[in-house]
Protein backbone atom coordinates (compact mmCIF):
# COMPACT_ATOMS: atom_id res chain seq x y z
CA UNK A 1 64.82 169.99 102.94
CA UNK A 2 68.10 167.34 102.90
CA UNK A 3 68.87 164.84 105.38
CA UNK A 4 72.58 164.48 105.06
CA UNK A 5 73.46 161.82 107.93
CA UNK A 6 71.51 160.09 110.66
CA UNK A 7 69.43 162.13 112.66
CA UNK A 8 70.56 165.23 111.24
CA UNK A 9 68.43 167.55 108.49
CA UNK A 10 68.96 170.77 107.05
CA UNK A 11 66.54 173.02 105.84
CA UNK A 12 67.26 175.20 103.32
CA UNK A 13 65.52 178.40 101.98
CA UNK A 14 65.85 180.21 98.12
CA UNK A 15 65.44 183.81 97.58
CA UNK A 16 63.57 185.23 94.84
CA UNK A 17 64.83 184.56 91.40
CA UNK A 18 67.04 187.38 90.33
CA UNK A 19 66.12 188.85 86.90
CA UNK A 20 68.56 188.28 83.95
CA UNK A 21 69.42 191.86 83.58
CA UNK A 22 71.26 191.47 87.11
CA UNK A 23 73.08 189.17 86.04
CA UNK A 24 70.95 186.47 88.07
CA UNK A 25 70.19 182.97 86.98
CA UNK A 26 67.72 181.79 88.82
CA UNK A 27 66.87 181.30 92.27
CA UNK A 28 69.94 181.00 95.22
CA UNK A 29 69.85 178.37 97.69
CA UNK A 30 71.36 178.71 101.56
CA UNK A 31 70.90 176.69 104.13
CA UNK A 32 68.87 177.78 107.38
CA UNK A 33 69.44 175.45 109.82
CA UNK A 34 70.69 171.95 110.66
CA UNK A 35 68.39 170.20 113.20
CA UNK A 36 69.83 167.29 115.28
CA UNK A 37 66.83 165.19 116.00
CA UNK A 38 67.64 162.75 119.29
CA UNK A 39 67.41 159.49 116.70
CA UNK A 40 68.19 157.74 113.46
CA UNK A 41 65.08 158.12 110.90
CA UNK A 42 64.21 156.58 107.65
CA UNK A 43 61.62 159.12 106.78
CA UNK A 44 60.99 162.60 107.97
CA UNK A 45 58.58 165.77 106.94
CA UNK A 46 58.28 169.00 107.78
CA UNK A 47 54.47 169.73 107.64
CA UNK A 48 54.56 173.58 109.18
CA UNK A 49 56.11 176.42 111.22
CA UNK A 50 54.28 178.11 113.75
CA UNK A 51 53.91 182.24 114.68
CA UNK A 52 57.33 181.89 117.20
CA UNK A 53 59.46 180.93 114.01
CA UNK A 54 59.14 176.86 115.02
CA UNK A 55 59.44 173.69 112.43
CA UNK A 56 57.66 170.84 112.99
CA UNK A 57 58.40 167.79 111.43
CA UNK A 58 56.63 164.21 111.56
CA UNK A 59 59.32 161.86 111.89
CA UNK A 60 58.86 157.61 110.43
CA UNK A 61 54.99 158.57 110.63
CA UNK A 62 55.55 158.28 114.48
CA UNK A 63 56.71 161.27 115.82
CA UNK A 64 56.13 165.09 115.97
CA UNK A 65 58.76 167.07 117.14
CA UNK A 66 58.80 171.18 117.18
CA UNK A 67 62.68 172.60 116.40
CA UNK A 68 62.97 175.88 118.16
CA UNK A 69 64.35 177.83 115.43
CA UNK A 70 65.79 180.75 117.92
CA UNK A 71 66.68 179.01 120.31
CA UNK A 72 68.32 175.79 118.27
CA UNK A 73 66.37 173.24 120.55
CA UNK A 74 64.67 169.97 119.71
CA UNK A 75 61.68 169.58 121.78
CA UNK A 76 59.17 166.06 121.29
CA UNK A 77 55.57 167.06 120.90
CA UNK A 78 53.74 163.85 120.83
CA UNK A 79 54.71 159.89 119.93
CA UNK A 80 51.29 159.31 117.70
CA UNK A 81 51.84 155.31 118.63
CA UNK A 82 52.30 155.02 122.21
CA UNK A 83 50.64 158.36 123.05
CA UNK A 84 46.95 158.95 121.51
CA UNK A 85 43.97 157.14 121.40
CA UNK A 86 41.82 156.11 118.12
CA UNK A 87 38.28 155.32 117.52
CA UNK A 88 37.38 153.19 114.95
CA UNK A 89 34.25 154.36 113.30
CA UNK A 90 33.41 150.08 111.88
CA UNK A 91 33.59 148.79 115.57
CA UNK A 92 32.78 151.52 117.77
CA UNK A 93 35.89 150.78 120.05
CA UNK A 94 39.17 153.05 121.36
CA UNK A 95 42.37 151.95 120.18
CA UNK A 96 45.45 152.82 122.42
CA UNK A 97 48.26 151.82 119.37
CA UNK A 98 46.97 151.36 116.32
CA UNK A 99 49.04 148.68 114.46
CA UNK A 100 50.87 149.00 111.76
CA UNK A 101 49.04 152.42 110.95
CA UNK A 102 51.09 154.83 108.97
CA UNK A 103 49.81 158.51 110.76
CA UNK A 104 50.04 161.12 108.62
CA UNK A 105 49.64 164.97 109.49
CA UNK A 106 48.34 167.49 108.06
CA UNK A 107 48.78 171.67 108.82
CA UNK A 108 46.03 173.39 110.49
CA UNK A 109 46.26 177.19 111.58
CA UNK A 110 43.41 178.63 113.34
CA UNK A 111 42.15 182.00 112.09
CA UNK A 112 39.64 184.16 112.55
CA UNK A 113 38.25 184.45 109.20
CA UNK A 114 34.72 182.53 108.64
CA UNK A 115 34.49 179.67 105.98
CA UNK A 116 31.22 180.57 105.84
CA UNK A 117 29.25 182.82 102.68
CA UNK A 118 28.24 185.97 104.24
């Protein structure tokens, strides 16, 4: 991933390293797509993709966007600061806005494979 200008993100892919016998010299990078987000950002993390070929981005540790590679469309999924409710275990209170927190996301995929030993 590379962010050359405000609001743009380039996603690059690489091929497997070619053998030296074939005149390789290492992996070859190619531009997969350029994503134009609706506003400039300070930080961006691509964190997962789905089975339909979409890529998800966490922008400024606050907003999740989905980029549909096939259609070339960016959709806002959720603003984690404005649209979610959080629970504080120590005070047992719900918070609408988490204040100055930075929210991180992790990849999760549902699976039919059991995590329990048989």
